[in-house]
Amino acid sequence: MKIVILDKDTLGGDIELSPIRNLGECTEYGTTDYSLVAERVADAEVVVTNKIKLNEETLDACKNVKLICVAATGFDNIDTEFCKERGIALCNVPGYSTDSVAQVTLSMALELVTHLSTYRNFVHSGNYSESGIANKLSPVYHELSSMVWGVIGGGAIGTKVAEIAKAFGCKVLVCRRKQEGDFPLADIDTICEQADIISVHLPLSDSTRGILNRERIGKCKKTAIIINTARGAVADEEALADAIKEKRIGGLGVDVYSKEPFPAEHPYTDILGYDNVCLTPHMGWGSFEARNRCIVKIAENIGGFYKGEQRNRVV
């Protein structure tokens, strides 16, 4: 079995890849430019990718490819229709990063609500020692238990975030397709109007692209904190940046972007350095434990495919 890993560097250098390597002849690339994809997978039977786009242009001449394994839950970088036409199986890895993404979502909320970095910097800069005052209480912060937390997307990650928010005493509203669990349902517009913290946990699809649009952002409270750890393109990034610059929302936390890494001309470049903005480099999914689970599940997906099992099959 010939296996090609196209973007190993996105998985981190501390992760053991032997579960995949032990399955066959494995060729690994740190990263792969789009122009080189077709050449590198030409003889492969199994392609493992995290972020690289795979479509008709990159796969059409690759007659040996039988299976694509995405090192992620989302698979919006794969042309699923082409895979169906060519009989190429596609497997993802659901659920491996639930705890990791939920933890980072909560960390962003706590940072933006509590302003911990501002207080830390006040002490580390020496200003606290020079102040002659025993404490500092500005910027003002509020208890999570006084807030409404709106969760947009009620899958595994959204549900985990809702459970954590509830444990902190928040009133939790969840936007999902149907009633599941104990949390009250609310439509996305109600959440935008009522929530103090809004976190987005949606897969990217035609129906979710741009769902958090300028009009909905305009409905938010001026103190609202918006957090996106899902996919960059589910939100209007320019509208979010404008809302921060014009002080129409209270804070913004983002770990995902429509183009990664985002370029110099991206709207978020204008809000770098704002105290009420927390931008991170798509690291929310990537705790050590989550990445290890991901590699093990990919190996199981490959092994299961060759045994005729329908394991985590998307196509």
C-alpha atoms as a PDB file:
ATOM      1  CA  MET A   1       0.000   0.000   0.000  1.00  0.00           C
ATOM      2  CA  LYS A   2       1.429   3.375  -1.037  1.00  0.00           C
ATOM      3  CA  ILE A   3       0.518   6.197   1.330  1.00  0.00           C
ATOM      4  CA  VAL A   4       1.339   9.883   0.838  1.00  0.00           C
ATOM      5  CA  ILE A   5       1.059  12.467   3.618  1.00  0.00           C
ATOM      6  CA  LEU A   6       0.914  15.888   1.954  1.00  0.00           C
ATOM      7  CA  ASP A   7       1.262  18.333   4.864  1.00  0.00           C
ATOM      8  CA  LYS A   8       2.867  16.588   7.804  1.00  0.00           C
ATOM      9  CA  ASP A   9       4.051  19.872   9.362  1.00  0.00           C
ATOM     10  CA  THR A  10       0.465  20.882  10.143  1.00  0.00           C
ATOM     11  CA  LEU A  11       0.240  17.901  12.503  1.00  0.00           C
ATOM     12  CA  GLY A  12       3.194  19.003  14.638  1.00  0.00           C
ATOM     13  CA  GLY A  13       6.677  17.543  14.937  1.00  0.00           C
ATOM     14  CA  ASP A  14       5.998  15.969  18.328  1.00  0.00           C
ATOM     15  CA  ILE A  15       3.412  13.462  17.096  1.00  0.00           C
ATOM     16  CA  GLU A  16       4.307   9.829  16.390  1.00  0.00           C
ATOM     17  CA  LEU A  17       3.178   8.823  12.902  1.00  0.00           C
ATOM     18  CA  SER A  18       4.032   5.123  13.242  1.00  0.00           C
ATOM     19  CA  PRO A  19       0.339   4.036  13.282  1.00  0.00           C
ATOM     20  CA  ILE A  20       0.140   5.251   9.665  1.00  0.00           C
ATOM     21  CA  ARG A  21       3.694   4.366   8.650  1.00  0.00           C
ATOM     22  CA  ASN A  22       3.233   0.761   9.755  1.00  0.00           C
ATOM     23  CA  LEU A  23       0.429   0.252   7.227  1.00  0.00           C
ATOM     24  CA  GLY A  24       2.559   0.441   4.099  1.00  0.00           C
ATOM     25  CA  GLU A  25       5.076   2.406   2.069  1.00  0.00           C
ATOM     26  CA  CYS A  26       4.659   5.929   3.422  1.00  0.00           C
ATOM     27  CA  THR A  27       5.994   9.072   1.719  1.00  0.00           C
ATOM     28  CA  GLU A  28       5.802  12.243   3.791  1.00  0.00           C
ATOM     29  CA  TYR A  29       6.005  15.914   2.852  1.00  0.00           C
ATOM     30  CA  GLY A  30       6.186  18.753   5.343  1.00  0.00           C
ATOM     31  CA  THR A  31       3.918  20.824   3.156  1.00  0.00           C
ATOM     32  CA  THR A  32       2.835  20.718  -0.465  1.00  0.00           C
ATOM     33  CA  ASP A  33       2.222  23.622  -2.795  1.00  0.00           C
ATOM     34  CA  TYR A  34      -0.988  23.262  -4.748  1.00  0.00           C
ATOM     35  CA  SER A  35       0.987  23.060  -8.005  1.00  0.00           C
ATOM     36  CA  LEU A  36       2.820  19.937  -6.756  1.00  0.00           C
ATOM     37  CA  VAL A  37      -0.149  17.928  -5.473  1.00  0.00           C
ATOM     38  CA  ALA A  38      -0.830  15.965  -8.658  1.00  0.00           C
ATOM     39  CA  GLU A  39       2.812  14.970  -9.004  1.00  0.00           C
ATOM     40  CA  ARG A  40       3.149  13.866  -5.396  1.00  0.00           C
ATOM     41  CA  VAL A  41       0.017  11.717  -5.299  1.00  0.00           C
ATOM     42  CA  ALA A  42       0.423  10.286  -8.811  1.00  0.00           C
ATOM     43  CA  ASP A  43       1.241   6.750  -7.618  1.00  0.00           C
ATOM     44  CA  ALA A  44      -0.472   6.859  -4.241  1.00  0.00           C
ATOM     45  CA  GLU A  45      -3.320   4.609  -3.183  1.00  0.00           C
ATOM     46  CA  VAL A  46      -4.004   6.524   0.019  1.00  0.00           C
ATOM     47  CA  VAL A  47      -3.651  10.298   0.426  1.00  0.00           C
ATOM     48  CA  VAL A  48      -3.540  11.862   3.881  1.00  0.00           C
ATOM     49  CA  THR A  49      -4.093  15.617   4.024  1.00  0.00           C
ATOM     50  CA  ASN A  50      -5.016  18.214   6.557  1.00  0.00           C
ATOM     51  CA  LYS A  51      -5.368  21.516   4.705  1.00  0.00           C
ATOM     52  CA  ILE A  52      -4.360  20.798   1.092  1.00  0.00           C
ATOM     53  CA  LYS A  53      -7.130  21.108  -1.495  1.00  0.00           C
ATOM     54  CA  LEU A  54      -7.906  17.966  -3.454  1.00  0.00           C
ATOM     55  CA  ASN A  55     -10.143  18.261  -6.506  1.00  0.00           C
ATOM     56  CA  GLU A  56     -10.453  17.304 -10.159  1.00  0.00           C
ATOM     57  CA  GLU A  57      -7.450  19.411 -11.143  1.00  0.00           C
ATOM     58  CA  THR A  58      -5.132  17.704  -8.660  1.00  0.00           C
ATOM     59  CA  LEU A  59      -6.577  14.187  -8.816  1.00  0.00           C
ATOM     60  CA  ASP A  60      -7.787  13.627 -12.368  1.00  0.00           C
ATOM     61  CA  ALA A  61      -4.557  12.021 -13.585  1.00  0.00           C
ATOM     62  CA  CYS A  62      -4.003  10.058 -10.370  1.00  0.00           C
ATOM     63  CA  LYS A  63      -5.630   6.764 -11.293  1.00  0.00           C
ATOM     64  CA  ASN A  64      -4.368   4.783  -8.301  1.00  0.00           C
ATOM     65  CA  VAL A  65      -5.929   6.892  -5.546  1.00  0.00           C
ATOM     66  CA  LYS A  66      -8.526   4.821  -3.728  1.00  0.00           C
ATOM     67  CA  LEU A  67      -8.823   6.644  -0.412  1.00  0.00           C
ATOM     68  CA  ILE A  68      -8.417  10.169   0.917  1.00  0.00           C
ATOM     69  CA  CYS A  69      -8.058  10.582   4.667  1.00  0.00           C
ATOM     70  CA  VAL A  70      -8.577  14.079   6.057  1.00  0.00           C
ATOM     71  CA  ALA A  71      -6.708  14.783   9.268  1.00  0.00           C
ATOM     72  CA  ALA A  72      -9.669  16.801  10.489  1.00  0.00           C
ATOM     73  CA  THR A  73     -13.392  16.675  11.075  1.00  0.00           C
ATOM     74  CA  GLY A  74     -14.182  19.256   8.400  1.00  0.00           C
ATOM     75  CA  PHE A  75     -13.595  18.307   4.773  1.00  0.00           C
ATOM     76  CA  ASP A  76     -14.498  21.492   2.877  1.00  0.00           C
ATOM     77  CA  ASN A  77     -11.070  21.345   1.150  1.00  0.00           C
ATOM     78  CA  ILE A  78     -12.067  18.154  -0.679  1.00  0.00           C
ATOM     79  CA  ASP A  79     -14.214  18.055  -3.819  1.00  0.00           C
ATOM     80  CA  THR A  80     -16.659  15.405  -2.655  1.00  0.00           C
ATOM     81  CA  GLU A  81     -18.590  15.335  -5.914  1.00  0.00           C
ATOM     82  CA  PHE A  82     -15.456  14.505  -7.879  1.00  0.00           C
ATOM     83  CA  CYS A  83     -14.598  11.777  -5.362  1.00  0.00           C
ATOM     84  CA  LYS A  84     -18.042  10.259  -5.856  1.00  0.00           C
ATOM     85  CA  GLU A  85     -17.678  10.342  -9.643  1.00  0.00           C
ATOM     86  CA  ARG A  86     -14.249   8.699  -9.521  1.00  0.00           C
ATOM     87  CA  GLY A  87     -15.119   6.180  -6.825  1.00  0.00           C
ATOM     88  CA  ILE A  88     -12.566   7.608  -4.394  1.00  0.00           C
ATOM     89  CA  ALA A  89     -13.462   6.983  -0.774  1.00  0.00           C
ATOM     90  CA  LEU A  90     -13.175   9.850   1.701  1.00  0.00           C
ATOM     91  CA  CYS A  91     -12.828   9.493   5.480  1.00  0.00           C
ATOM     92  CA  ASN A  92     -12.690  12.211   8.121  1.00  0.00           C
ATOM     93  CA  VAL A  93     -11.956  12.056  11.853  1.00  0.00           C
ATOM     94  CA  PRO A  94     -15.005  13.160  13.843  1.00  0.00           C
ATOM     95  CA  GLY A  95     -14.868  13.967  17.518  1.00  0.00           C
ATOM     96  CA  TYR A  96     -11.112  13.848  18.096  1.00  0.00           C
ATOM     97  CA  SER A  97     -10.747  17.578  18.869  1.00  0.00           C
ATOM     98  CA  THR A  98     -13.943  18.248  20.824  1.00  0.00           C
ATOM     99  CA  ASP A  99     -12.254  18.811  24.193  1.00  0.00           C
ATOM    100  CA  SER A 100      -9.389  20.765  22.637  1.00  0.00           C
ATOM    101  CA  VAL A 101     -11.562  23.242  20.711  1.00  0.00           C
ATOM    102  CA  ALA A 102     -13.959  23.663  23.617  1.00  0.00           C
ATOM    103  CA  GLN A 103     -11.026  24.450  25.926  1.00  0.00           C
ATOM    104  CA  VAL A 104      -9.651  27.092  23.570  1.00  0.00           C
ATOM    105  CA  THR A 105     -13.124  28.591  23.099  1.00  0.00           C
ATOM    106  CA  LEU A 106     -13.497  28.934  26.857  1.00  0.00           C
ATOM    107  CA  SER A 107      -9.949  30.317  27.158  1.00  0.00           C
ATOM    108  CA  MET A 108     -10.778  33.043  24.638  1.00  0.00           C
ATOM    109  CA  ALA A 109     -13.989  33.892  26.466  1.00  0.00           C
ATOM    110  CA  LEU A 110     -12.200  34.118  29.810  1.00  0.00           C
ATOM    111  CA  GLU A 111      -9.434  36.270  28.338  1.00  0.00           C
ATOM    112  CA  LEU A 112     -11.856  38.676  26.690  1.00  0.00           C
ATOM    113  CA  VAL A 113     -14.212  38.844  29.667  1.00  0.00           C
ATOM    114  CA  THR A 114     -11.603  39.029  32.438  1.00  0.00           C
ATOM    115  CA  HIS A 115      -8.867  41.035  30.606  1.00  0.00           C
ATOM    116  CA  LEU A 116      -6.285  38.822  32.287  1.00  0.00           C
ATOM    117  CA  SER A 117      -3.487  39.792  29.887  1.00  0.00           C
ATOM    118  CA  THR A 118      -3.983  43.474  30.705  1.00  0.00           C
ATOM    119  CA  TYR A 119      -3.721  42.796  34.434  1.00  0.00           C
ATOM    120  CA  ARG A 120      -0.745  40.496  33.929  1.00  0.00           C
ATOM    121  CA  ASN A 121       1.080  43.082  31.827  1.00  0.00           C
ATOM    122  CA  PHE A 122       0.416  45.743  34.461  1.00  0.00           C
ATOM    123  CA  VAL A 123       2.312  43.662  37.020  1.00  0.00           C
ATOM    124  CA  HIS A 124       5.055  42.362  34.689  1.00  0.00           C
ATOM    125  CA  SER A 125       5.825  45.858  33.400  1.00  0.00           C
ATOM    126  CA  GLY A 126       6.590  47.062  36.915  1.00  0.00           C
ATOM    127  CA  ASN A 127       3.670  49.477  36.909  1.00  0.00           C
ATOM    128  CA  TYR A 128       1.980  47.642  39.776  1.00  0.00           C
ATOM    129  CA  SER A 129       4.998  48.012  42.041  1.00  0.00           C
ATOM    130  CA  GLU A 130       5.298  51.683  41.139  1.00  0.00           C
ATOM    131  CA  SER A 131       1.590  52.418  41.641  1.00  0.00           C
ATOM    132  CA  GLY A 132       1.603  52.322  45.414  1.00  0.00           C
ATOM    133  CA  ILE A 133      -1.907  50.865  45.337  1.00  0.00           C
ATOM    134  CA  ALA A 134      -2.677  47.338  46.521  1.00  0.00           C
ATOM    135  CA  ASN A 135      -4.933  46.502  43.602  1.00  0.00           C
ATOM    136  CA  LYS A 136      -6.099  47.543  40.156  1.00  0.00           C
ATOM    137  CA  LEU A 137      -9.716  47.142  39.085  1.00  0.00           C
ATOM    138  CA  SER A 138      -9.784  48.528  35.584  1.00  0.00           C
ATOM    139  CA  PRO A 139     -10.661  47.510  32.978  1.00  0.00           C
ATOM    140  CA  VAL A 140     -13.879  46.382  34.637  1.00  0.00           C
ATOM    141  CA  TYR A 141     -14.710  42.698  34.298  1.00  0.00           C
ATOM    142  CA  HIS A 142     -17.882  40.749  34.933  1.00  0.00           C
ATOM    143  CA  GLU A 143     -18.727  37.268  36.126  1.00  0.00           C
ATOM    144  CA  LEU A 144     -19.682  34.697  33.514  1.00  0.00           C
ATOM    145  CA  SER A 145     -22.602  33.757  35.750  1.00  0.00           C
ATOM    146  CA  SER A 146     -24.194  37.107  34.924  1.00  0.00           C
ATOM    147  CA  MET A 147     -24.124  36.434  31.174  1.00  0.00           C
ATOM    148  CA  VAL A 148     -26.064  34.775  28.383  1.00  0.00           C
ATOM    149  CA  TRP A 149     -23.887  32.508  26.238  1.00  0.00           C
ATOM    150  CA  GLY A 150     -25.227  31.774  22.769  1.00  0.00           C
ATOM    151  CA  VAL A 151     -23.859  28.692  21.028  1.00  0.00           C
ATOM    152  CA  ILE A 152     -24.308  28.621  17.246  1.00  0.00           C
ATOM    153  CA  GLY A 153     -24.003  25.002  16.164  1.00  0.00           C
ATOM    154  CA  GLY A 154     -25.099  22.187  18.430  1.00  0.00           C
ATOM    155  CA  GLY A 155     -22.772  19.373  17.387  1.00  0.00           C
ATOM    156  CA  ALA A 156     -20.237  17.728  19.673  1.00  0.00           C
ATOM    157  CA  ILE A 157     -18.089  20.844  20.131  1.00  0.00           C
ATOM    158  CA  GLY A 158     -21.020  23.212  20.529  1.00  0.00           C
ATOM    159  CA  THR A 159     -22.606  20.892  23.087  1.00  0.00           C
ATOM    160  CA  LYS A 160     -19.352  20.654  25.045  1.00  0.00           C
ATOM    161  CA  VAL A 161     -19.033  24.438  25.094  1.00  0.00           C
ATOM    162  CA  ALA A 162     -22.644  24.751  26.233  1.00  0.00           C
ATOM    163  CA  GLU A 163     -21.999  22.326  29.100  1.00  0.00           C
ATOM    164  CA  ILE A 164     -18.915  24.280  30.213  1.00  0.00           C
ATOM    165  CA  ALA A 165     -20.746  27.607  29.967  1.00  0.00           C
ATOM    166  CA  LYS A 166     -23.560  26.185  32.078  1.00  0.00           C
ATOM    167  CA  ALA A 167     -21.037  24.991  34.674  1.00  0.00           C
ATOM    168  CA  PHE A 168     -19.823  28.598  34.962  1.00  0.00           C
ATOM    169  CA  GLY A 169     -23.386  29.712  35.620  1.00  0.00           C
ATOM    170  CA  CYS A 170     -24.234  31.184  32.227  1.00  0.00           C
ATOM    171  CA  LYS A 171     -27.707  31.092  30.804  1.00  0.00           C
ATOM    172  CA  VAL A 172     -27.119  29.069  27.644  1.00  0.00           C
ATOM    173  CA  LEU A 173     -28.986  29.311  24.340  1.00  0.00           C
ATOM    174  CA  VAL A 174     -28.198  26.895  21.517  1.00  0.00           C
ATOM    175  CA  CYS A 175     -28.920  27.302  17.810  1.00  0.00           C
ATOM    176  CA  ARG A 176     -29.287  23.832  16.316  1.00  0.00           C
ATOM    177  CA  ARG A 177     -31.603  22.051  13.923  1.00  0.00           C
ATOM    178  CA  LYS A 178     -33.576  20.106  16.513  1.00  0.00           C
ATOM    179  CA  GLN A 179     -34.013  19.833  20.246  1.00  0.00           C
ATOM    180  CA  GLU A 180     -31.348  17.648  21.814  1.00  0.00           C
ATOM    181  CA  GLY A 181     -30.162  17.819  25.390  1.00  0.00           C
ATOM    182  CA  ASP A 182     -31.213  20.240  28.077  1.00  0.00           C
ATOM    183  CA  PHE A 183     -30.406  23.597  26.500  1.00  0.00           C
ATOM    184  CA  PRO A 184     -33.111  25.954  25.205  1.00  0.00           C
ATOM    185  CA  LEU A 185     -33.195  26.337  21.438  1.00  0.00           C
ATOM    186  CA  ALA A 186     -32.936  29.757  19.834  1.00  0.00           C
ATOM    187  CA  ASP A 187     -32.546  30.914  16.261  1.00  0.00           C
ATOM    188  CA  ILE A 188     -29.357  32.664  15.244  1.00  0.00           C
ATOM    189  CA  ASP A 189     -30.979  36.117  15.188  1.00  0.00           C
ATOM    190  CA  THR A 190     -32.248  35.730  18.746  1.00  0.00           C
ATOM    191  CA  ILE A 191     -28.785  34.699  19.889  1.00  0.00           C
ATOM    192  CA  CYS A 192     -27.230  37.718  18.171  1.00  0.00           C
ATOM    193  CA  GLU A 193     -29.721  40.019  19.884  1.00  0.00           C
ATOM    194  CA  GLN A 194     -29.629  38.508  23.384  1.00  0.00           C
ATOM    195  CA  ALA A 195     -26.259  36.855  24.023  1.00  0.00           C
ATOM    196  CA  ASP A 196     -23.337  38.428  25.854  1.00  0.00           C
ATOM    197  CA  ILE A 197     -20.993  35.779  24.471  1.00  0.00           C
ATOM    198  CA  ILE A 198     -21.563  34.206  21.051  1.00  0.00           C
ATOM    199  CA  SER A 199     -19.450  31.226  20.003  1.00  0.00           C
ATOM    200  CA  VAL A 200     -19.665  29.661  16.557  1.00  0.00           C
ATOM    201  CA  HIS A 201     -19.237  25.904  16.035  1.00  0.00           C
ATOM    202  CA  LEU A 202     -20.533  25.188  12.529  1.00  0.00           C
ATOM    203  CA  PRO A 203     -19.041  23.191   9.670  1.00  0.00           C
ATOM    204  CA  LEU A 204     -18.490  25.173   6.488  1.00  0.00           C
ATOM    205  CA  SER A 205     -21.042  24.430   3.772  1.00  0.00           C
ATOM    206  CA  ASP A 206     -23.100  26.325   1.222  1.00  0.00           C
ATOM    207  CA  SER A 207     -25.766  26.884   3.869  1.00  0.00           C
ATOM    208  CA  THR A 208     -23.389  28.129   6.589  1.00  0.00           C
ATOM    209  CA  ARG A 209     -20.999  30.244   4.511  1.00  0.00           C
ATOM    210  CA  GLY A 210     -21.338  33.848   5.708  1.00  0.00           C
ATOM    211  CA  ILE A 211     -24.144  32.946   8.111  1.00  0.00           C
ATOM    212  CA  LEU A 212     -22.824  35.408  10.690  1.00  0.00           C
ATOM    213  CA  ASN A 213     -23.249  38.315   8.323  1.00  0.00           C
ATOM    214  CA  ARG A 214     -23.070  42.094   8.677  1.00  0.00           C
ATOM    215  CA  GLU A 215     -26.782  42.419   9.443  1.00  0.00           C
ATOM    216  CA  ARG A 216     -26.633  39.853  12.259  1.00  0.00           C
ATOM    217  CA  ILE A 217     -23.437  41.326  13.679  1.00  0.00           C
ATOM    218  CA  GLY A 218     -25.265  44.647  13.688  1.00  0.00           C
ATOM    219  CA  LYS A 219     -27.931  43.156  15.973  1.00  0.00           C
ATOM    220  CA  CYS A 220     -25.402  42.235  18.678  1.00  0.00           C
ATOM    221  CA  LYS A 221     -25.049  44.080  21.948  1.00  0.00           C
ATOM    222  CA  LYS A 222     -22.286  46.671  22.036  1.00  0.00           C
ATOM    223  CA  THR A 223     -20.737  44.641  24.848  1.00  0.00           C
ATOM    224  CA  ALA A 224     -21.082  41.273  23.093  1.00  0.00           C
ATOM    225  CA  ILE A 225     -18.056  39.026  22.644  1.00  0.00           C
ATOM    226  CA  ILE A 226     -17.982  36.949  19.437  1.00  0.00           C
ATOM    227  CA  ILE A 227     -15.790  33.844  19.207  1.00  0.00           C
ATOM    228  CA  ASN A 228     -15.232  31.796  16.058  1.00  0.00           C
ATOM    229  CA  THR A 229     -13.335  28.515  16.409  1.00  0.00           C
ATOM    230  CA  ALA A 230     -15.207  26.797  13.546  1.00  0.00           C
ATOM    231  CA  ARG A 231     -14.322  27.977  10.028  1.00  0.00           C
ATOM    232  CA  GLY A 232     -13.363  31.501   9.023  1.00  0.00           C
ATOM    233  CA  ALA A 233     -15.804  31.754   6.150  1.00  0.00           C
ATOM    234  CA  VAL A 234     -18.901  31.126   8.282  1.00  0.00           C
ATOM    235  CA  ALA A 235     -18.559  34.777   9.333  1.00  0.00           C
ATOM    236  CA  ASP A 236     -18.201  38.044   7.439  1.00  0.00           C
ATOM    237  CA  GLU A 237     -14.644  38.825   8.496  1.00  0.00           C
ATOM    238  CA  GLU A 238     -14.697  42.396   7.225  1.00  0.00           C
ATOM    239  CA  ALA A 239     -17.917  43.079   9.130  1.00  0.00           C
ATOM    240  CA  LEU A 240     -16.405  41.695  12.338  1.00  0.00           C
ATOM    241  CA  ALA A 241     -13.306  43.856  11.963  1.00  0.00           C
ATOM    242  CA  ASP A 242     -15.470  46.904  11.298  1.00  0.00           C
ATOM    243  CA  ALA A 243     -17.582  46.170  14.370  1.00  0.00           C
ATOM    244  CA  ILE A 244     -14.442  46.133  16.525  1.00  0.00           C
ATOM    245  CA  LYS A 245     -13.026  49.323  15.004  1.00  0.00           C
ATOM    246  CA  GLU A 246     -16.351  51.115  15.406  1.00  0.00           C
ATOM    247  CA  LYS A 247     -16.871  49.766  18.952  1.00  0.00           C
ATOM    248  CA  ARG A 248     -20.152  48.082  18.025  1.00  0.00           C
ATOM    249  CA  ILE A 249     -19.183  44.834  19.790  1.00  0.00           C
ATOM    250  CA  GLY A 250     -17.206  44.332  22.971  1.00  0.00           C
ATOM    251  CA  GLY A 251     -14.643  41.775  21.874  1.00  0.00           C
ATOM    252  CA  LEU A 252     -13.589  39.272  19.233  1.00  0.00           C
ATOM    253  CA  GLY A 253     -11.847  35.929  19.500  1.00  0.00           C
ATOM    254  CA  VAL A 254     -10.932  34.053  16.297  1.00  0.00           C
ATOM    255  CA  ASP A 255      -8.846  30.952  15.641  1.00  0.00           C
ATOM    256  CA  VAL A 256      -9.907  30.296  12.031  1.00  0.00           C
ATOM    257  CA  TYR A 257      -9.762  32.327   8.838  1.00  0.00           C
ATOM    258  CA  SER A 258     -11.112  32.185   5.292  1.00  0.00           C
ATOM    259  CA  LYS A 259      -7.507  32.073   4.108  1.00  0.00           C
ATOM    260  CA  GLU A 260      -4.818  30.602   6.339  1.00  0.00           C
ATOM    261  CA  PRO A 261      -2.531  32.179   7.240  1.00  0.00           C
ATOM    262  CA  PHE A 262      -4.425  35.378   6.578  1.00  0.00           C
ATOM    263  CA  PRO A 263      -2.541  37.808   4.290  1.00  0.00           C
ATOM    264  CA  ALA A 264      -1.489  41.390   5.003  1.00  0.00           C
ATOM    265  CA  GLU A 265      -4.555  42.760   3.223  1.00  0.00           C
ATOM    266  CA  HIS A 266      -6.966  40.747   5.379  1.00  0.00           C
ATOM    267  CA  PRO A 267      -9.491  42.829   7.397  1.00  0.00           C
ATOM    268  CA  TYR A 268      -8.129  41.458  10.670  1.00  0.00           C
ATOM    269  CA  THR A 269      -4.752  43.087  10.013  1.00  0.00           C
ATOM    270  CA  ASP A 270      -6.351  46.399  10.975  1.00  0.00           C
ATOM    271  CA  ILE A 271      -7.299  45.141  14.446  1.00  0.00           C
ATOM    272  CA  LEU A 272      -4.055  43.444  15.439  1.00  0.00           C
ATOM    273  CA  GLY A 273      -2.995  44.706  18.839  1.00  0.00           C
ATOM    274  CA  TYR A 274      -6.460  45.680  20.046  1.00  0.00           C
ATOM    275  CA  ASP A 275      -6.865  44.781  23.711  1.00  0.00           C
ATOM    276  CA  ASN A 276     -10.336  43.351  23.064  1.00  0.00           C
ATOM    277  CA  VAL A 277      -9.215  41.104  20.196  1.00  0.00           C
ATOM    278  CA  CYS A 278      -7.709  37.628  20.587  1.00  0.00           C
ATOM    279  CA  LEU A 279      -6.524  36.111  17.298  1.00  0.00           C
ATOM    280  CA  THR A 280      -4.779  32.722  17.351  1.00  0.00           C
ATOM    281  CA  PRO A 281      -3.190  30.658  14.541  1.00  0.00           C
ATOM    282  CA  HIS A 282      -5.771  27.868  14.039  1.00  0.00           C
ATOM    283  CA  MET A 283      -4.435  25.994  17.050  1.00  0.00           C
ATOM    284  CA  GLY A 284      -7.707  25.209  18.793  1.00  0.00           C
ATOM    285  CA  TRP A 285      -7.964  21.681  17.408  1.00  0.00           C
ATOM    286  CA  GLY A 286      -4.360  20.812  18.124  1.00  0.00           C
ATOM    287  CA  SER A 287      -3.754  19.788  21.713  1.00  0.00           C
ATOM    288  CA  PHE A 288      -1.204  16.977  22.026  1.00  0.00           C
ATOM    289  CA  GLU A 289      -3.923  14.549  23.004  1.00  0.00           C
ATOM    290  CA  ALA A 290      -6.220  15.552  20.133  1.00  0.00           C
ATOM    291  CA  ARG A 291      -3.483  15.197  17.520  1.00  0.00           C
ATOM    292  CA  ASN A 292      -2.521  11.785  18.811  1.00  0.00           C
ATOM    293  CA  ARG A 293      -6.156  10.683  18.640  1.00  0.00           C
ATOM    294  CA  CYS A 294      -6.349  12.028  15.096  1.00  0.00           C
ATOM    295  CA  ILE A 295      -3.361   9.976  13.880  1.00  0.00           C
ATOM    296  CA  VAL A 296      -4.659   6.792  15.499  1.00  0.00           C
ATOM    297  CA  LYS A 297      -8.105   7.323  13.937  1.00  0.00           C
ATOM    298  CA  ILE A 298      -6.600   7.954  10.494  1.00  0.00           C
ATOM    299  CA  ALA A 299      -4.699   4.666  10.745  1.00  0.00           C
ATOM    300  CA  GLU A 300      -7.915   2.923  11.789  1.00  0.00           C
ATOM    301  CA  ASN A 301      -9.740   4.522   8.845  1.00  0.00           C
ATOM    302  CA  ILE A 302      -7.109   3.240   6.404  1.00  0.00           C
ATOM    303  CA  GLY A 303      -7.044  -0.231   7.918  1.00  0.00           C
ATOM    304  CA  GLY A 304     -10.824  -0.375   8.033  1.00  0.00           C
ATOM    305  CA  PHE A 305     -11.134   0.658   4.387  1.00  0.00           C
ATOM    306  CA  TYR A 306      -8.952  -2.227   3.241  1.00  0.00           C
ATOM    307  CA  LYS A 307     -11.012  -4.596   5.371  1.00  0.00           C
ATOM    308  CA  GLY A 308     -14.189  -3.413   3.674  1.00  0.00           C
ATOM    309  CA  GLU A 309     -15.453  -1.496   6.705  1.00  0.00           C
ATOM    310  CA  GLN A 310     -17.454   1.747   6.484  1.00  0.00           C
ATOM    311  CA  ARG A 311     -15.405   3.609   9.079  1.00  0.00           C
ATOM    312  CA  ASN A 312     -15.926   7.404   9.211  1.00  0.00           C
ATOM    313  CA  ARG A 313     -16.823   7.416   5.516  1.00  0.00           C
ATOM    314  CA  VAL A 314     -17.953  10.730   4.084  1.00  0.00           C
ATOM    315  CA  VAL A 315     -17.974   9.439   0.509  1.00  0.00           C
END
